[in-house]
Amino acid sequence: MKLIIGNKNYSSWSMRPWVMMKHAGIPFEEVMVPLREPDTSRRIHEHSPSSKVPCLVTNEGQAVWESLAILETLAERYPQKALWPSDAAARAHARSVSSEMHAGFGPLRAQMSMNIRARWPGRGATPDALADVARVDEIWGDCLKRYGGPFLFGEMLTIADAMYAPVVMRFVTYAPAVSDASRGYIEHMLAVPAMREWIDGAAAETLIAELEDPA
């Protein structure tokens, strides 16, 4: 399979399926298309009808776009990898918080866009963005308490963790105030080898962009 992604420093949507696939040991070819280039949309459109990243191209040549759709497709194709929690109630909960991440948190995305190399404590701390931070903190705290950690749904990293992986990086960059439980979760996620590999890849990139990525 091929996974079409954007720059690792900026493309939060690309990070989600990439981290999950790396962590789960699902083989794929990475195809990185640099963002904000004159031919970016054209090059992505060669793989994805939406002209946006990420896009998974299956072994059969089918394009699957949108991070959550890609992750759901992988869960179906690799049931042995247990990408969702095995318990039905926990699985429904994980799908709920993952969908909330996919569909919401607009102010957080806009005011604290992902820039892994940067360190800007306090920047972007508008009331709406901080309300989103508080909601994320609530979700993480509830999941960690309910399922015992160290990941959101227990001992296994799941799609829910992958969906919130870029938020972990945002919280490192902008350092908003969060609970002790969330700080512990951030530290645990940063130690995951797939996360470290993505972070190292972002550090090695040379593209420099302004705070304009709403993803």
N, C-alpha and C. Protein backbone atom coordinates (compact mmCIF):
# COMPACT_ATOMS: atom_id res chain seq x y z
N MET A 1 0.84 -1.19 0.00
CA MET A 1 0.00 0.00 0.00
C MET A 1 0.88 1.25 0.00
N LYS A 2 0.30 2.35 -0.44
CA LYS A 2 0.98 3.64 -0.41
C LYS A 2 0.19 4.58 0.50
N LEU A 3 0.90 5.39 1.29
CA LEU A 3 0.28 6.43 2.09
C LEU A 3 0.83 7.76 1.62
N ILE A 4 -0.05 8.58 1.06
CA ILE A 4 0.34 9.89 0.56
C ILE A 4 0.21 10.88 1.71
N ILE A 5 1.31 11.56 2.04
CA ILE A 5 1.30 12.48 3.18
C ILE A 5 1.89 13.83 2.76
N GLY A 6 1.70 14.82 3.63
CA GLY A 6 2.36 16.11 3.48
C GLY A 6 3.56 16.19 4.40
N ASN A 7 4.13 17.38 4.50
CA ASN A 7 5.30 17.60 5.35
C ASN A 7 5.02 17.20 6.79
N LYS A 8 5.95 16.48 7.39
CA LYS A 8 5.73 15.95 8.73
C LYS A 8 5.67 17.06 9.79
N ASN A 9 6.33 18.17 9.56
CA ASN A 9 6.28 19.24 10.55
C ASN A 9 4.91 19.88 10.65
N TYR A 10 4.17 19.91 9.56
CA TYR A 10 2.92 20.66 9.51
C TYR A 10 1.66 19.82 9.32
N SER A 11 1.76 18.66 8.69
CA SER A 11 0.55 17.96 8.25
C SER A 11 0.01 17.04 9.35
N SER A 12 -0.82 17.61 10.18
CA SER A 12 -1.37 16.85 11.30
C SER A 12 -2.29 15.72 10.84
N TRP A 13 -3.04 15.94 9.77
CA TRP A 13 -3.92 14.88 9.29
C TRP A 13 -3.11 13.69 8.80
N SER A 14 -1.97 13.97 8.14
CA SER A 14 -1.11 12.88 7.67
C SER A 14 -0.53 12.09 8.82
N MET A 15 -0.24 12.76 9.92
CA MET A 15 0.40 12.11 11.06
C MET A 15 -0.44 10.97 11.61
N ARG A 16 -1.75 11.13 11.60
CA ARG A 16 -2.64 10.18 12.27
C ARG A 16 -2.52 8.76 11.71
N PRO A 17 -2.79 8.53 10.42
CA PRO A 17 -2.66 7.16 9.92
C PRO A 17 -1.22 6.68 9.87
N TRP A 18 -0.27 7.59 9.63
CA TRP A 18 1.13 7.20 9.56
C TRP A 18 1.58 6.61 10.89
N VAL A 19 1.30 7.29 12.00
CA VAL A 19 1.70 6.80 13.32
C VAL A 19 1.02 5.47 13.62
N MET A 20 -0.25 5.33 13.29
CA MET A 20 -0.96 4.08 13.57
C MET A 20 -0.36 2.93 12.77
N MET A 21 -0.09 3.16 11.50
CA MET A 21 0.45 2.10 10.65
C MET A 21 1.85 1.70 11.10
N LYS A 22 2.68 2.68 11.42
CA LYS A 22 4.02 2.37 11.90
C LYS A 22 3.96 1.60 13.22
N HIS A 23 3.14 2.06 14.14
CA HIS A 23 3.06 1.42 15.45
C HIS A 23 2.54 -0.01 15.33
N ALA A 24 1.57 -0.22 14.45
CA ALA A 24 0.95 -1.54 14.30
C ALA A 24 1.76 -2.48 13.41
N GLY A 25 2.80 -1.96 12.76
CA GLY A 25 3.59 -2.80 11.88
C GLY A 25 2.89 -3.14 10.59
N ILE A 26 2.06 -2.23 10.09
CA ILE A 26 1.38 -2.42 8.81
C ILE A 26 2.27 -1.86 7.71
N PRO A 27 2.73 -2.68 6.78
CA PRO A 27 3.69 -2.19 5.78
C PRO A 27 3.05 -1.23 4.77
N PHE A 28 3.80 -0.20 4.42
CA PHE A 28 3.32 0.75 3.42
C PHE A 28 4.51 1.51 2.85
N GLU A 29 4.30 2.06 1.66
CA GLU A 29 5.26 2.95 1.04
C GLU A 29 4.84 4.38 1.31
N GLU A 30 5.73 5.17 1.85
CA GLU A 30 5.44 6.59 2.14
C GLU A 30 5.72 7.42 0.89
N VAL A 31 4.73 8.23 0.51
CA VAL A 31 4.89 9.17 -0.60
C VAL A 31 4.62 10.56 -0.05
N MET A 32 5.67 11.36 0.12
CA MET A 32 5.51 12.70 0.68
C MET A 32 5.43 13.72 -0.45
N VAL A 33 4.35 14.50 -0.44
CA VAL A 33 4.18 15.59 -1.40
C VAL A 33 4.33 16.90 -0.63
N PRO A 34 5.35 17.70 -0.91
CA PRO A 34 5.53 18.95 -0.18
C PRO A 34 4.32 19.87 -0.32
N LEU A 35 3.89 20.44 0.79
CA LEU A 35 2.75 21.34 0.80
C LEU A 35 3.17 22.74 0.37
N ARG A 36 2.18 23.50 -0.09
CA ARG A 36 2.35 24.92 -0.44
C ARG A 36 3.32 25.15 -1.59
N GLU A 37 3.43 24.17 -2.46
CA GLU A 37 4.19 24.34 -3.69
C GLU A 37 3.20 24.58 -4.83
N PRO A 38 3.65 25.20 -5.94
CA PRO A 38 2.72 25.49 -7.03
C PRO A 38 2.00 24.26 -7.58
N ASP A 39 2.66 23.10 -7.54
CA ASP A 39 2.05 21.90 -8.11
C ASP A 39 1.56 20.92 -7.04
N THR A 40 1.41 21.39 -5.80
CA THR A 40 1.02 20.49 -4.72
C THR A 40 -0.32 19.82 -4.98
N SER A 41 -1.35 20.61 -5.29
CA SER A 41 -2.68 20.04 -5.51
C SER A 41 -2.69 19.06 -6.66
N ARG A 42 -1.99 19.40 -7.73
CA ARG A 42 -1.95 18.50 -8.89
C ARG A 42 -1.30 17.18 -8.52
N ARG A 43 -0.20 17.24 -7.79
CA ARG A 43 0.53 16.02 -7.43
C ARG A 43 -0.29 15.14 -6.48
N ILE A 44 -0.98 15.78 -5.53
CA ILE A 44 -1.81 14.99 -4.62
C ILE A 44 -3.00 14.40 -5.36
N HIS A 45 -3.55 15.18 -6.32
CA HIS A 45 -4.73 14.72 -7.06
C HIS A 45 -4.42 13.48 -7.90
N GLU A 46 -3.17 13.24 -8.21
CA GLU A 46 -2.80 12.02 -8.91
C GLU A 46 -3.13 10.78 -8.10
N HIS A 47 -3.26 10.95 -6.79
CA HIS A 47 -3.57 9.83 -5.90
C HIS A 47 -4.95 9.97 -5.24
N SER A 48 -5.33 11.22 -4.90
CA SER A 48 -6.52 11.45 -4.08
C SER A 48 -7.52 12.34 -4.80
N PRO A 49 -8.78 11.92 -4.92
CA PRO A 49 -9.79 12.77 -5.56
C PRO A 49 -10.01 14.10 -4.85
N SER A 50 -9.71 14.15 -3.54
CA SER A 50 -9.92 15.38 -2.78
C SER A 50 -8.80 16.39 -2.96
N SER A 51 -7.69 15.96 -3.55
CA SER A 51 -6.48 16.78 -3.70
C SER A 51 -5.90 17.20 -2.36
N LYS A 52 -6.21 16.41 -1.32
CA LYS A 52 -5.69 16.69 0.01
C LYS A 52 -5.05 15.43 0.58
N VAL A 53 -4.12 15.65 1.50
CA VAL A 53 -3.50 14.53 2.21
C VAL A 53 -4.17 14.38 3.57
N PRO A 54 -4.11 13.14 4.12
CA PRO A 54 -3.49 11.95 3.57
C PRO A 54 -4.44 11.20 2.65
N CYS A 55 -3.84 10.26 1.91
CA CYS A 55 -4.63 9.35 1.09
C CYS A 55 -3.93 8.00 1.11
N LEU A 56 -4.68 6.96 1.38
CA LEU A 56 -4.17 5.60 1.32
C LEU A 56 -4.55 4.99 -0.02
N VAL A 57 -3.58 4.43 -0.71
CA VAL A 57 -3.84 3.69 -1.94
C VAL A 57 -3.60 2.22 -1.62
N THR A 58 -4.65 1.43 -1.67
CA THR A 58 -4.56 0.03 -1.29
C THR A 58 -3.81 -0.78 -2.35
N ASN A 59 -3.51 -2.03 -2.02
CA ASN A 59 -2.85 -2.92 -2.97
C ASN A 59 -3.68 -3.13 -4.23
N GLU A 60 -5.00 -2.96 -4.09
CA GLU A 60 -5.89 -3.11 -5.25
C GLU A 60 -6.02 -1.83 -6.05
N GLY A 61 -5.35 -0.76 -5.59
CA GLY A 61 -5.39 0.51 -6.30
C GLY A 61 -6.52 1.43 -5.89
N GLN A 62 -7.26 1.08 -4.84
CA GLN A 62 -8.35 1.93 -4.39
C GLN A 62 -7.81 3.06 -3.52
N ALA A 63 -8.29 4.28 -3.77
CA ALA A 63 -7.92 5.44 -2.97
C ALA A 63 -8.89 5.59 -1.80
N VAL A 64 -8.34 5.77 -0.63
CA VAL A 64 -9.14 6.04 0.57
C VAL A 64 -8.57 7.32 1.18
N TRP A 65 -9.40 8.35 1.28
CA TRP A 65 -8.93 9.62 1.81
C TRP A 65 -9.69 9.98 3.08
N GLU A 66 -9.18 11.00 3.77
CA GLU A 66 -9.63 11.40 5.11
C GLU A 66 -9.06 10.44 6.17
N SER A 67 -8.42 11.03 7.19
CA SER A 67 -7.70 10.23 8.18
C SER A 67 -8.55 9.16 8.83
N LEU A 68 -9.76 9.53 9.28
CA LEU A 68 -10.58 8.57 10.00
C LEU A 68 -11.06 7.45 9.08
N ALA A 69 -11.37 7.78 7.83
CA ALA A 69 -11.76 6.74 6.87
C ALA A 69 -10.59 5.78 6.61
N ILE A 70 -9.39 6.31 6.52
CA ILE A 70 -8.21 5.46 6.33
C ILE A 70 -8.04 4.52 7.52
N LEU A 71 -8.17 5.06 8.73
CA LEU A 71 -7.99 4.26 9.93
C LEU A 71 -9.07 3.19 10.06
N GLU A 72 -10.30 3.53 9.73
CA GLU A 72 -11.37 2.53 9.76
C GLU A 72 -11.10 1.43 8.72
N THR A 73 -10.62 1.81 7.55
CA THR A 73 -10.29 0.83 6.52
C THR A 73 -9.19 -0.11 6.99
N LEU A 74 -8.18 0.45 7.64
CA LEU A 74 -7.09 -0.39 8.16
C LEU A 74 -7.60 -1.33 9.25
N ALA A 75 -8.51 -0.85 10.09
CA ALA A 75 -9.07 -1.71 11.14
C ALA A 75 -9.81 -2.90 10.52
N GLU A 76 -10.50 -2.68 9.41
CA GLU A 76 -11.20 -3.76 8.73
C GLU A 76 -10.23 -4.73 8.06
N ARG A 77 -9.18 -4.20 7.44
CA ARG A 77 -8.24 -5.04 6.70
C ARG A 77 -7.30 -5.81 7.61
N TYR A 78 -7.06 -5.30 8.80
CA TYR A 78 -6.11 -5.92 9.72
C TYR A 78 -6.76 -6.12 11.09
N PRO A 79 -7.80 -6.94 11.17
CA PRO A 79 -8.49 -7.13 12.46
C PRO A 79 -7.56 -7.68 13.53
N GLN A 80 -6.54 -8.42 13.13
CA GLN A 80 -5.61 -9.00 14.11
C GLN A 80 -4.76 -7.94 14.81
N LYS A 81 -4.72 -6.73 14.27
CA LYS A 81 -3.93 -5.66 14.86
C LYS A 81 -4.65 -4.94 15.99
N ALA A 82 -5.94 -5.18 16.14
CA ALA A 82 -6.74 -4.59 17.23
C ALA A 82 -6.56 -3.07 17.29
N LEU A 83 -6.86 -2.40 16.18
CA LEU A 83 -6.70 -0.95 16.13
C LEU A 83 -7.77 -0.22 16.94
N TRP A 84 -8.91 -0.87 17.15
CA TRP A 84 -9.94 -0.37 18.06
C TRP A 84 -9.94 -1.25 19.31
N PRO A 85 -10.47 -0.75 20.44
CA PRO A 85 -10.60 -1.61 21.62
C PRO A 85 -11.47 -2.82 21.33
N SER A 86 -11.17 -3.95 21.96
CA SER A 86 -11.92 -5.17 21.72
C SER A 86 -13.30 -5.14 22.36
N ASP A 87 -13.44 -4.47 23.49
CA ASP A 87 -14.74 -4.38 24.17
C ASP A 87 -15.67 -3.46 23.40
N ALA A 88 -16.91 -3.88 23.20
CA ALA A 88 -17.85 -3.12 22.36
C ALA A 88 -18.14 -1.74 22.93
N ALA A 89 -18.34 -1.65 24.24
CA ALA A 89 -18.63 -0.35 24.85
C ALA A 89 -17.43 0.59 24.73
N ALA A 90 -16.25 0.07 25.00
CA ALA A 90 -15.04 0.89 24.87
C ALA A 90 -14.82 1.29 23.42
N ARG A 91 -15.13 0.38 22.50
CA ARG A 91 -14.98 0.68 21.08
C ARG A 91 -15.91 1.82 20.66
N ALA A 92 -17.13 1.79 21.13
CA ALA A 92 -18.07 2.88 20.82
C ALA A 92 -17.57 4.20 21.39
N HIS A 93 -17.03 4.15 22.60
CA HIS A 93 -16.47 5.35 23.22
C HIS A 93 -15.29 5.86 22.41
N ALA A 94 -14.40 4.96 22.00
CA ALA A 94 -13.23 5.35 21.22
C ALA A 94 -13.65 5.97 19.88
N ARG A 95 -14.66 5.41 19.26
CA ARG A 95 -15.15 5.98 17.99
C ARG A 95 -15.73 7.37 18.22
N SER A 96 -16.40 7.57 19.34
CA SER A 96 -17.00 8.86 19.64
C SER A 96 -15.95 9.95 19.80
N VAL A 97 -14.92 9.67 20.61
CA VAL A 97 -13.91 10.70 20.84
C VAL A 97 -13.06 10.91 19.59
N SER A 98 -12.89 9.87 18.79
CA SER A 98 -12.15 10.01 17.53
C SER A 98 -12.93 10.86 16.54
N SER A 99 -14.22 10.62 16.45
CA SER A 99 -15.05 11.42 15.54
C SER A 99 -15.15 12.87 16.01
N GLU A 100 -15.19 13.07 17.33
CA GLU A 100 -15.21 14.44 17.84
C GLU A 100 -13.93 15.17 17.44
N MET A 101 -12.81 14.47 17.50
CA MET A 101 -11.55 15.08 17.08
C MET A 101 -11.57 15.40 15.60
N HIS A 102 -12.09 14.47 14.81
CA HIS A 102 -12.10 14.66 13.36
C HIS A 102 -12.98 15.83 12.94
N ALA A 103 -14.10 15.99 13.61
CA ALA A 103 -15.09 16.98 13.16
C ALA A 103 -15.00 18.32 13.88
N GLY A 104 -14.35 18.37 15.04
CA GLY A 104 -14.43 19.57 15.85
C GLY A 104 -13.10 20.24 16.10
N PHE A 105 -13.08 21.04 17.16
CA PHE A 105 -11.88 21.73 17.64
C PHE A 105 -11.31 22.72 16.61
N GLY A 106 -12.21 23.43 15.92
CA GLY A 106 -11.78 24.40 14.93
C GLY A 106 -10.89 25.50 15.49
N PRO A 107 -11.26 26.12 16.61
CA PRO A 107 -10.39 27.18 17.16
C PRO A 107 -9.00 26.67 17.54
N LEU A 108 -8.93 25.48 18.10
CA LEU A 108 -7.63 24.91 18.44
C LEU A 108 -6.78 24.71 17.19
N ARG A 109 -7.39 24.19 16.13
CA ARG A 109 -6.67 24.00 14.88
C ARG A 109 -6.18 25.33 14.32
N ALA A 110 -7.05 26.34 14.36
CA ALA A 110 -6.72 27.62 13.74
C ALA A 110 -5.68 28.40 14.53
N GLN A 111 -5.81 28.41 15.85
CA GLN A 111 -4.94 29.24 16.69
C GLN A 111 -3.65 28.54 17.10
N MET A 112 -3.66 27.21 17.12
CA MET A 112 -2.48 26.45 17.52
C MET A 112 -2.17 25.40 16.47
N SER A 113 -1.90 25.86 15.25
CA SER A 113 -1.63 24.93 14.15
C SER A 113 -0.36 24.14 14.42
N MET A 114 -0.30 22.94 13.88
CA MET A 114 0.82 22.06 14.20
C MET A 114 2.12 22.57 13.58
N ASN A 115 3.12 22.72 14.42
CA ASN A 115 4.47 23.07 13.99
C ASN A 115 5.40 22.40 14.99
N ILE A 116 5.82 21.20 14.67
CA ILE A 116 6.54 20.36 15.63
C ILE A 116 7.87 20.97 16.04
N ARG A 117 8.53 21.67 15.12
CA ARG A 117 9.85 22.23 15.43
C ARG A 117 9.77 23.46 16.33
N ALA A 118 8.62 24.09 16.39
CA ALA A 118 8.51 25.37 17.11
C ALA A 118 8.24 25.17 18.60
N ARG A 119 8.56 26.18 19.39
CA ARG A 119 8.20 26.25 20.80
C ARG A 119 7.68 27.66 21.07
N TRP A 120 6.35 27.78 21.18
CA TRP A 120 5.70 29.06 21.36
C TRP A 120 4.74 29.03 22.54
N PRO A 121 5.22 28.90 23.76
CA PRO A 121 4.32 28.84 24.92
C PRO A 121 3.42 30.07 24.99
N GLY A 122 2.13 29.82 25.15
CA GLY A 122 1.18 30.91 25.33
C GLY A 122 0.62 31.48 24.05
N ARG A 123 1.22 31.22 22.92
CA ARG A 123 0.70 31.76 21.66
C ARG A 123 -0.61 31.06 21.30
N GLY A 124 -1.53 31.80 20.72
CA GLY A 124 -2.79 31.22 20.26
C GLY A 124 -3.80 30.96 21.35
N ALA A 125 -3.55 31.49 22.56
CA ALA A 125 -4.40 31.17 23.71
C ALA A 125 -5.64 32.06 23.74
N THR A 126 -6.45 31.99 22.68
CA THR A 126 -7.71 32.71 22.66
C THR A 126 -8.73 31.96 23.52
N PRO A 127 -9.79 32.64 23.96
CA PRO A 127 -10.80 31.93 24.77
C PRO A 127 -11.36 30.69 24.09
N ASP A 128 -11.65 30.77 22.79
CA ASP A 128 -12.21 29.60 22.09
C ASP A 128 -11.19 28.47 22.00
N ALA A 129 -9.94 28.81 21.72
CA ALA A 129 -8.92 27.76 21.65
C ALA A 129 -8.70 27.11 23.01
N LEU A 130 -8.70 27.91 24.06
CA LEU A 130 -8.52 27.35 25.41
C LEU A 130 -9.71 26.51 25.83
N ALA A 131 -10.90 26.85 25.33
CA ALA A 131 -12.06 25.99 25.60
C ALA A 131 -11.87 24.63 24.93
N ASP A 132 -11.31 24.62 23.74
CA ASP A 132 -10.99 23.35 23.08
C ASP A 132 -9.93 22.58 23.85
N VAL A 133 -8.91 23.28 24.34
CA VAL A 133 -7.88 22.63 25.15
C VAL A 133 -8.51 21.96 26.37
N ALA A 134 -9.42 22.68 27.02
CA ALA A 134 -10.09 22.14 28.21
C ALA A 134 -10.90 20.90 27.86
N ARG A 135 -11.54 20.90 26.71
CA ARG A 135 -12.32 19.73 26.30
C ARG A 135 -11.40 18.54 26.03
N VAL A 136 -10.29 18.77 25.35
CA VAL A 136 -9.34 17.69 25.12
C VAL A 136 -8.82 17.15 26.45
N ASP A 137 -8.50 18.04 27.35
CA ASP A 137 -8.02 17.65 28.68
C ASP A 137 -9.07 16.79 29.40
N GLU A 138 -10.33 17.17 29.25
CA GLU A 138 -11.42 16.40 29.85
C GLU A 138 -11.52 15.01 29.24
N ILE A 139 -11.44 14.93 27.91
CA ILE A 139 -11.52 13.64 27.22
C ILE A 139 -10.38 12.73 27.67
N TRP A 140 -9.17 13.26 27.64
CA TRP A 140 -8.02 12.45 28.03
C TRP A 140 -8.14 11.98 29.47
N GLY A 141 -8.48 12.90 30.37
CA GLY A 141 -8.58 12.54 31.78
C GLY A 141 -9.63 11.47 32.03
N ASP A 142 -10.78 11.61 31.37
CA ASP A 142 -11.86 10.63 31.54
C ASP A 142 -11.42 9.26 31.03
N CYS A 143 -10.81 9.22 29.85
CA CYS A 143 -10.38 7.94 29.27
C CYS A 143 -9.30 7.29 30.12
N LEU A 144 -8.34 8.06 30.55
CA LEU A 144 -7.24 7.50 31.34
C LEU A 144 -7.75 6.94 32.67
N LYS A 145 -8.69 7.64 33.28
CA LYS A 145 -9.26 7.17 34.54
C LYS A 145 -10.12 5.93 34.32
N ARG A 146 -10.93 5.95 33.27
CA ARG A 146 -11.88 4.87 33.05
C ARG A 146 -11.19 3.57 32.62
N TYR A 147 -10.14 3.69 31.78
CA TYR A 147 -9.53 2.49 31.21
C TYR A 147 -8.14 2.20 31.78
N GLY A 148 -7.66 3.04 32.66
CA GLY A 148 -6.45 2.73 33.40
C GLY A 148 -5.14 3.10 32.74
N GLY A 149 -5.16 3.68 31.51
CA GLY A 149 -3.95 4.10 30.85
C GLY A 149 -3.02 2.93 30.53
N PRO A 150 -1.84 3.21 30.05
CA PRO A 150 -1.25 4.53 29.83
C PRO A 150 -1.75 5.23 28.56
N PHE A 151 -2.39 4.44 27.66
CA PHE A 151 -3.02 5.03 26.48
C PHE A 151 -4.48 5.32 26.80
N LEU A 152 -5.18 5.97 25.88
CA LEU A 152 -6.54 6.42 26.18
C LEU A 152 -7.48 5.27 26.50
N PHE A 153 -7.25 4.11 25.88
CA PHE A 153 -8.15 2.97 26.11
C PHE A 153 -7.40 1.77 26.66
N GLY A 154 -6.46 2.06 27.53
CA GLY A 154 -5.77 0.99 28.23
C GLY A 154 -4.34 0.81 27.78
N GLU A 155 -3.90 -0.43 27.74
CA GLU A 155 -2.49 -0.73 27.50
C GLU A 155 -2.10 -0.66 26.03
N MET A 156 -3.08 -0.67 25.13
CA MET A 156 -2.78 -0.70 23.70
C MET A 156 -3.04 0.68 23.08
N LEU A 157 -2.11 1.12 22.24
CA LEU A 157 -2.34 2.32 21.45
C LEU A 157 -3.38 2.00 20.38
N THR A 158 -4.44 2.80 20.32
CA THR A 158 -5.53 2.55 19.38
C THR A 158 -5.70 3.73 18.43
N ILE A 159 -6.69 3.62 17.57
CA ILE A 159 -7.01 4.70 16.64
C ILE A 159 -7.29 5.99 17.38
N ALA A 160 -7.90 5.92 18.56
CA ALA A 160 -8.18 7.14 19.32
C ALA A 160 -6.89 7.88 19.65
N ASP A 161 -5.86 7.15 20.05
CA ASP A 161 -4.57 7.80 20.34
C ASP A 161 -3.97 8.40 19.07
N ALA A 162 -4.09 7.69 17.96
CA ALA A 162 -3.58 8.21 16.70
C ALA A 162 -4.30 9.50 16.30
N MET A 163 -5.60 9.55 16.54
CA MET A 163 -6.37 10.75 16.20
C MET A 163 -5.94 11.95 17.04
N TYR A 164 -5.50 11.72 18.26
CA TYR A 164 -5.08 12.83 19.13
C TYR A 164 -3.58 13.06 19.12
N ALA A 165 -2.82 12.27 18.34
CA ALA A 165 -1.37 12.44 18.30
C ALA A 165 -0.94 13.85 17.89
N PRO A 166 -1.57 14.48 16.88
CA PRO A 166 -1.16 15.85 16.55
C PRO A 166 -1.49 16.86 17.66
N VAL A 167 -2.51 16.57 18.46
CA VAL A 167 -2.82 17.46 19.58
C VAL A 167 -1.73 17.37 20.63
N VAL A 168 -1.19 16.16 20.83
CA VAL A 168 -0.03 16.02 21.71
C VAL A 168 1.08 16.96 21.26
N MET A 169 1.34 17.01 19.96
CA MET A 169 2.41 17.87 19.45
C MET A 169 2.05 19.34 19.59
N ARG A 170 0.80 19.69 19.39
CA ARG A 170 0.38 21.08 19.60
C ARG A 170 0.60 21.50 21.05
N PHE A 171 0.28 20.61 21.97
CA PHE A 171 0.42 20.96 23.39
C PHE A 171 1.90 21.09 23.77
N VAL A 172 2.78 20.38 23.08
CA VAL A 172 4.22 20.57 23.30
C VAL A 172 4.65 21.94 22.77
N THR A 173 4.16 22.31 21.60
CA THR A 173 4.55 23.57 20.98
C THR A 173 4.03 24.78 21.75
N TYR A 174 2.75 24.76 22.14
CA TYR A 174 2.11 25.95 22.72
C TYR A 174 1.99 25.90 24.24
N ALA A 175 2.22 24.74 24.83
CA ALA A 175 2.28 24.55 26.28
C ALA A 175 1.08 25.14 27.03
N PRO A 176 -0.16 24.84 26.61
CA PRO A 176 -1.31 25.30 27.41
C PRO A 176 -1.37 24.51 28.72
N ALA A 177 -2.03 25.08 29.70
CA ALA A 177 -2.16 24.41 31.00
C ALA A 177 -3.12 23.23 30.87
N VAL A 178 -2.66 22.05 31.29
CA VAL A 178 -3.49 20.85 31.30
C VAL A 178 -3.26 20.12 32.62
N SER A 179 -4.06 19.12 32.86
CA SER A 179 -3.99 18.36 34.10
C SER A 179 -2.72 17.50 34.16
N ASP A 180 -2.41 17.04 35.38
CA ASP A 180 -1.28 16.13 35.54
C ASP A 180 -1.48 14.85 34.72
N ALA A 181 -2.72 14.37 34.67
CA ALA A 181 -3.00 13.16 33.90
C ALA A 181 -2.68 13.38 32.43
N SER A 182 -3.06 14.51 31.88
CA SER A 182 -2.77 14.79 30.48
C SER A 182 -1.29 14.98 30.23
N ARG A 183 -0.59 15.61 31.18
CA ARG A 183 0.86 15.75 31.01
C ARG A 183 1.54 14.38 31.00
N GLY A 184 1.08 13.48 31.84
CA GLY A 184 1.63 12.13 31.83
C GLY A 184 1.35 11.42 30.52
N TYR A 185 0.15 11.61 29.99
CA TYR A 185 -0.21 11.00 28.71
C TYR A 185 0.67 11.56 27.59
N ILE A 186 0.89 12.86 27.59
CA ILE A 186 1.76 13.47 26.58
C ILE A 186 3.15 12.84 26.62
N GLU A 187 3.71 12.71 27.80
CA GLU A 187 5.04 12.12 27.93
C GLU A 187 5.06 10.68 27.45
N HIS A 188 4.01 9.94 27.74
CA HIS A 188 3.96 8.55 27.29
C HIS A 188 3.86 8.47 25.77
N MET A 189 3.05 9.32 25.17
CA MET A 189 2.92 9.32 23.72
C MET A 189 4.23 9.73 23.05
N LEU A 190 4.94 10.68 23.62
CA LEU A 190 6.19 11.13 23.03
C LEU A 190 7.26 10.04 23.04
N ALA A 191 7.10 9.06 23.91
CA ALA A 191 8.07 7.97 23.98
C ALA A 191 7.76 6.82 23.03
N VAL A 192 6.61 6.85 22.37
CA VAL A 192 6.24 5.79 21.42
C VAL A 192 7.18 5.87 20.22
N PRO A 193 7.82 4.77 19.83
CA PRO A 193 8.78 4.81 18.73
C PRO A 193 8.23 5.42 17.44
N ALA A 194 6.99 5.11 17.08
CA ALA A 194 6.42 5.69 15.86
C ALA A 194 6.30 7.20 15.98
N MET A 195 5.95 7.70 17.16
CA MET A 195 5.90 9.15 17.38
C MET A 195 7.29 9.75 17.25
N ARG A 196 8.29 9.10 17.84
CA ARG A 196 9.65 9.61 17.77
C ARG A 196 10.13 9.66 16.31
N GLU A 197 9.78 8.64 15.55
CA GLU A 197 10.20 8.61 14.15
C GLU A 197 9.58 9.75 13.36
N TRP A 198 8.29 10.02 13.61
CA TRP A 198 7.64 11.16 12.92
C TRP A 198 8.29 12.47 13.34
N ILE A 199 8.53 12.65 14.63
CA ILE A 199 9.14 13.88 15.14
C ILE A 199 10.53 14.08 14.53
N ASP A 200 11.31 13.01 14.47
CA ASP A 200 12.64 13.10 13.87
C ASP A 200 12.54 13.48 12.39
N GLY A 201 11.54 12.94 11.71
CA GLY A 201 11.34 13.30 10.32
C GLY A 201 10.99 14.77 10.16
N ALA A 202 10.16 15.28 11.06
CA ALA A 202 9.81 16.70 11.01
C ALA A 202 11.03 17.58 11.25
N ALA A 203 11.89 17.16 12.17
CA ALA A 203 13.09 17.94 12.49
C ALA A 203 14.04 17.99 11.30
N ALA A 204 14.02 16.97 10.47
CA ALA A 204 14.94 16.90 9.34
C ALA A 204 14.46 17.69 8.13
N GLU A 205 13.21 18.12 8.12
CA GLU A 205 12.68 18.85 6.98
C GLU A 205 13.22 20.28 6.95
N THR A 206 13.19 20.88 5.76
CA THR A 206 13.73 22.23 5.60
C THR A 206 12.67 23.27 5.27
N LEU A 207 11.46 22.87 4.88
CA LEU A 207 10.42 23.83 4.56
C LEU A 207 10.06 24.64 5.80
N ILE A 208 9.99 25.95 5.67
CA ILE A 208 9.57 26.83 6.74
C ILE A 208 8.32 27.56 6.27
N ALA A 209 7.24 27.48 7.04
CA ALA A 209 5.99 28.13 6.66
C ALA A 209 5.47 28.94 7.84
N GLU A 210 4.59 29.86 7.54
CA GLU A 210 3.96 30.65 8.57
C GLU A 210 2.88 29.82 9.28
N LEU A 211 2.31 30.38 10.36
CA LEU A 211 1.25 29.69 11.07
C LEU A 211 -0.04 29.79 10.26
N GLU A 212 -0.17 28.91 9.28
CA GLU A 212 -1.30 29.01 8.38
C GLU A 212 -1.97 27.67 8.13
N ASP A 213 -1.47 26.62 8.75
CA ASP A 213 -2.01 25.28 8.50
C ASP A 213 -3.14 24.99 9.47
N PRO A 214 -4.41 24.99 9.01
CA PRO A 214 -5.54 24.75 9.90
C PRO A 214 -5.79 23.29 10.20
N ALA A 215 -4.98 22.40 9.63
CA ALA A 215 -5.21 20.96 9.84
C ALA A 215 -4.75 20.53 11.19
